[in-house]
Amino acid sequence: MDTTVYIVEKGDTLYGIAKKFDTTVEILAAFNGISDPDVLSPGMILRIPFEDEEGYYTVRSGDTLYSIAKKYGTTVGALASLNMISDPDVIRIGQKLRVPSGDSVIVYIVKKGDSLYAIAKEYDTSVGAIADLNGIDDPDLIMPGQVLQIPSRENSGDMDDMKEYTVRKGDTLWSIARKTGTSVAHLTNLNRLDNTDCLKPGQIIILRK
């Protein structure tokens, strides 16, 4: 388990510090040899244990957004956008930042003229995989400057290899297109559908020839 340091400020309590760093009073007391959790002094140095969750990084003493971006092979701008940070110079110890998790994702900044379909094709993944990873409700709505996490091929599922899809209860043509990395127009034309609102459970939709 890694640790970072925290310098106690006036008004701090061990409970408040534990909550800030997503740990417990008992763990902080044990790590720092504190016999009375109610007695803290301003300037006191505490060791804070932590374990990073996959896809997140806990800011440590001495970190900058630049050093974190360099570590994860991305940019300061991408990290700032991904975490809605208005001032890249202001991050705090214990803050959890969303970052690319190892080799499983890369960061992509949308350019003018991009479409989710084109980006998915470029990175050998699917529209649905990118939309799900980034919480995108409408794959047709992406904007220049938007930061996307792109899943690796092994994490994109095998939807791209499917040639047919069996309609399930609650499916719409849009949801099927999103899941399978294609478009409503493509499915409509390929299946010669007159009414895209009328799908029945058990119906076979051809995805690609």
Protein backbone atom coordinates (compact mmCIF):
# COMPACT_ATOMS: atom_id res chain seq x y z
CA MET A 1 0.00 0.00 0.00
CA ASP A 2 1.38 3.42 -0.98
CA THR A 3 1.30 6.50 1.22
CA THR A 4 1.32 10.24 0.77
CA VAL A 5 1.82 12.96 3.38
CA TYR A 6 -0.59 15.53 4.75
CA ILE A 7 0.28 18.51 6.93
CA VAL A 8 -2.38 19.15 9.56
CA GLU A 9 -4.00 22.58 9.36
CA LYS A 10 -5.79 24.56 12.05
CA GLY A 11 -9.29 23.18 12.55
CA ASP A 12 -8.51 19.75 11.08
CA THR A 13 -9.87 16.62 12.70
CA LEU A 14 -8.75 13.08 12.06
CA TYR A 15 -12.29 12.24 11.00
CA GLY A 16 -12.33 15.06 8.45
CA ILE A 17 -8.93 14.07 7.08
CA ALA A 18 -9.97 10.41 6.87
CA LYS A 19 -13.12 11.39 4.97
CA LYS A 20 -11.12 13.60 2.59
CA PHE A 21 -8.79 10.74 1.72
CA ASP A 22 -11.49 8.03 1.64
CA THR A 23 -10.03 6.09 4.56
CA THR A 24 -10.86 5.62 8.27
CA VAL A 25 -9.83 7.23 11.55
CA GLU A 26 -8.60 3.83 12.79
CA ILE A 27 -6.29 3.34 9.80
CA LEU A 28 -4.85 6.86 10.07
CA ALA A 29 -4.30 6.46 13.80
CA ALA A 30 -2.54 3.11 13.33
CA PHE A 31 -0.36 4.38 10.48
CA ASN A 32 0.76 7.41 12.46
CA GLY A 33 0.98 5.96 15.97
CA ILE A 34 -1.77 8.24 17.26
CA SER A 35 -3.16 7.09 20.59
CA ASP A 36 -5.77 9.87 20.92
CA PRO A 37 -7.53 10.65 17.60
CA ASP A 38 -8.96 13.83 19.12
CA VAL A 39 -5.53 15.40 19.59
CA LEU A 40 -4.00 16.90 16.44
CA SER A 41 -1.63 19.86 16.16
CA PRO A 42 -1.33 22.27 13.22
CA GLY A 43 1.87 21.45 11.31
CA MET A 44 1.77 17.78 12.31
CA ILE A 45 2.72 15.49 9.41
CA LEU A 46 0.48 12.50 8.75
CA ARG A 47 1.13 9.55 6.47
CA ILE A 48 -1.98 8.75 4.41
CA PRO A 49 -2.27 5.23 2.98
CA PHE A 50 -4.15 4.68 -0.27
CA GLU A 51 -4.69 2.31 -3.15
CA ASP A 52 -5.51 3.70 -6.57
CA GLU A 53 -8.66 2.35 -8.23
CA GLU A 54 -8.36 1.26 -11.84
CA GLY A 55 -8.92 4.28 -14.05
CA TYR A 56 -8.22 6.77 -11.24
CA TYR A 57 -5.13 8.38 -9.73
CA THR A 58 -4.87 9.81 -6.21
CA VAL A 59 -2.91 13.08 -6.14
CA ARG A 60 0.18 12.83 -3.96
CA SER A 61 2.49 15.39 -2.40
CA GLY A 62 4.59 17.07 -5.12
CA ASP A 63 2.31 16.04 -7.99
CA THR A 64 1.40 18.42 -10.78
CA LEU A 65 -1.11 17.84 -13.54
CA TYR A 66 1.85 17.88 -15.95
CA SER A 67 3.69 15.11 -14.09
CA ILE A 68 0.53 12.99 -13.89
CA ALA A 69 -0.22 13.52 -17.60
CA LYS A 70 3.35 12.52 -18.49
CA LYS A 71 3.05 9.38 -16.36
CA TYR A 72 -0.10 8.28 -18.19
CA GLY A 73 1.01 9.30 -21.67
CA THR A 74 -1.60 12.02 -22.08
CA THR A 75 -1.77 15.83 -21.92
CA VAL A 76 -2.53 18.39 -19.24
CA GLY A 77 -5.43 19.65 -21.34
CA ALA A 78 -6.88 16.17 -21.70
CA LEU A 79 -6.71 15.49 -17.95
CA ALA A 80 -8.15 18.92 -17.14
CA SER A 81 -11.07 18.36 -19.51
CA LEU A 82 -11.64 14.80 -18.34
CA ASN A 83 -11.85 15.95 -14.72
CA MET A 84 -13.55 19.33 -15.36
CA ILE A 85 -10.58 21.22 -13.87
CA SER A 86 -10.75 24.93 -14.69
CA ASP A 87 -7.27 25.77 -13.37
CA PRO A 88 -4.65 23.08 -14.24
CA ASP A 89 -2.30 24.58 -11.63
CA VAL A 90 -4.72 23.82 -8.80
CA ILE A 91 -4.96 20.20 -7.67
CA ARG A 92 -4.97 19.00 -4.09
CA ILE A 93 -3.40 16.07 -2.27
CA GLY A 94 -5.89 13.23 -1.99
CA GLN A 95 -7.90 14.36 -5.01
CA LYS A 96 -8.92 11.46 -7.28
CA LEU A 97 -8.40 12.10 -10.96
CA ARG A 98 -9.83 10.07 -13.79
CA VAL A 99 -6.95 8.85 -15.97
CA PRO A 100 -6.35 6.35 -18.77
CA SER A 101 -6.06 2.96 -17.02
CA GLY A 102 -2.85 1.38 -18.19
CA ASP A 103 -3.08 0.05 -21.74
CA SER A 104 -6.84 -0.46 -21.58
CA VAL A 105 -7.75 3.02 -22.82
CA ILE A 106 -6.17 5.97 -24.56
CA VAL A 107 -7.28 9.58 -24.55
CA TYR A 108 -8.50 11.21 -27.77
CA ILE A 109 -9.45 14.87 -28.25
CA VAL A 110 -12.25 15.34 -30.79
CA LYS A 111 -11.31 17.43 -33.83
CA LYS A 112 -13.54 19.41 -36.18
CA GLY A 113 -15.21 17.03 -38.63
CA ASP A 114 -14.81 13.95 -36.42
CA SER A 115 -17.62 11.46 -35.95
CA LEU A 116 -17.82 8.72 -33.35
CA TYR A 117 -18.04 6.18 -36.15
CA ALA A 118 -14.81 7.45 -37.78
CA ILE A 119 -12.99 7.50 -34.42
CA ALA A 120 -14.18 3.97 -33.61
CA LYS A 121 -13.00 2.75 -37.01
CA GLU A 122 -9.60 4.42 -36.59
CA TYR A 123 -9.02 2.73 -33.23
CA ASP A 124 -10.51 -0.64 -34.25
CA THR A 125 -13.33 -0.49 -31.71
CA SER A 126 -17.09 0.19 -31.85
CA VAL A 127 -19.29 3.26 -31.48
CA GLY A 128 -21.12 1.53 -28.64
CA ALA A 129 -17.91 0.80 -26.72
CA ILE A 130 -16.77 4.43 -26.90
CA ALA A 131 -20.23 5.77 -26.08
CA ASP A 132 -20.58 3.49 -23.03
CA LEU A 133 -17.10 4.31 -21.70
CA ASN A 134 -17.70 8.05 -21.97
CA GLY A 135 -21.37 8.16 -20.94
CA ILE A 136 -22.49 9.47 -24.33
CA ASP A 137 -26.26 9.23 -24.83
CA ASP A 138 -26.34 10.42 -28.44
CA PRO A 139 -23.37 9.18 -30.53
CA ASP A 140 -24.17 11.83 -33.17
CA LEU A 141 -23.41 14.63 -30.70
CA ILE A 142 -19.70 15.12 -30.09
CA MET A 143 -17.89 18.46 -30.13
CA PRO A 144 -14.39 19.64 -31.09
CA GLY A 145 -12.22 19.72 -27.98
CA GLN A 146 -14.24 17.02 -26.23
CA VAL A 147 -12.04 14.44 -24.50
CA LEU A 148 -12.85 10.79 -25.15
CA GLN A 149 -11.41 7.66 -23.60
CA ILE A 150 -10.94 5.00 -26.29
CA PRO A 151 -11.12 1.34 -25.20
CA SER A 152 -8.61 -1.14 -26.53
CA ARG A 153 -9.69 -3.83 -28.95
CA GLU A 154 -9.76 -6.50 -26.24
CA ASN A 155 -12.14 -4.38 -24.15
CA SER A 156 -14.50 -3.52 -26.98
CA GLY A 157 -16.38 -6.79 -26.96
CA ASP A 158 -17.09 -8.92 -30.01
CA MET A 159 -20.04 -6.92 -31.38
CA ASP A 160 -18.00 -5.88 -34.42
CA ASP A 161 -17.80 -9.51 -35.53
CA MET A 162 -21.56 -10.13 -35.34
CA LYS A 163 -23.51 -10.28 -38.60
CA GLU A 164 -26.97 -10.65 -37.07
CA TYR A 165 -28.70 -9.41 -33.94
CA THR A 166 -31.80 -10.85 -32.29
CA VAL A 167 -34.12 -8.11 -31.04
CA ARG A 168 -34.80 -8.15 -27.30
CA LYS A 169 -37.59 -6.56 -25.32
CA GLY A 170 -37.00 -2.82 -25.03
CA ASP A 171 -34.61 -2.64 -28.00
CA THR A 172 -34.85 0.22 -30.47
CA LEU A 173 -33.04 0.52 -33.77
CA TRP A 174 -30.98 3.34 -32.26
CA SER A 175 -29.93 1.22 -29.25
CA ILE A 176 -29.02 -1.70 -31.53
CA ALA A 177 -26.97 0.61 -33.78
CA ARG A 178 -25.15 1.94 -30.73
CA LYS A 179 -24.44 -1.53 -29.32
CA THR A 180 -23.14 -2.90 -32.59
CA GLY A 181 -21.11 0.04 -33.81
CA THR A 182 -23.19 1.01 -36.82
CA SER A 183 -25.88 3.58 -37.68
CA VAL A 184 -29.68 3.64 -37.82
CA ALA A 185 -29.54 4.57 -41.51
CA HIS A 186 -27.28 1.60 -42.27
CA LEU A 187 -29.57 -0.85 -40.44
CA THR A 188 -32.70 0.63 -42.02
CA ASN A 189 -31.32 0.28 -45.55
CA LEU A 190 -29.76 -3.14 -45.01
CA ASN A 191 -32.96 -4.58 -43.51
CA ARG A 192 -35.35 -2.63 -45.78
CA LEU A 193 -37.28 -1.37 -42.79
CA ASP A 194 -40.27 0.87 -43.53
CA ASN A 195 -41.09 1.64 -39.90
CA THR A 196 -38.05 1.90 -37.65
CA ASP A 197 -40.27 2.19 -34.56
CA CYS A 198 -41.78 -1.28 -34.98
CA LEU A 199 -39.34 -3.92 -33.76
CA LYS A 200 -40.48 -7.17 -32.20
CA PRO A 201 -38.61 -9.36 -29.70
CA GLY A 202 -37.12 -12.30 -31.60
CA GLN A 203 -36.86 -10.37 -34.85
CA ILE A 204 -33.52 -10.83 -36.66
CA ILE A 205 -31.69 -7.66 -37.67
CA ILE A 206 -28.87 -8.01 -40.22
CA LEU A 207 -25.89 -5.95 -39.07
CA ARG A 208 -23.53 -6.42 -41.99
CA LYS A 209 -23.20 -8.63 -45.04
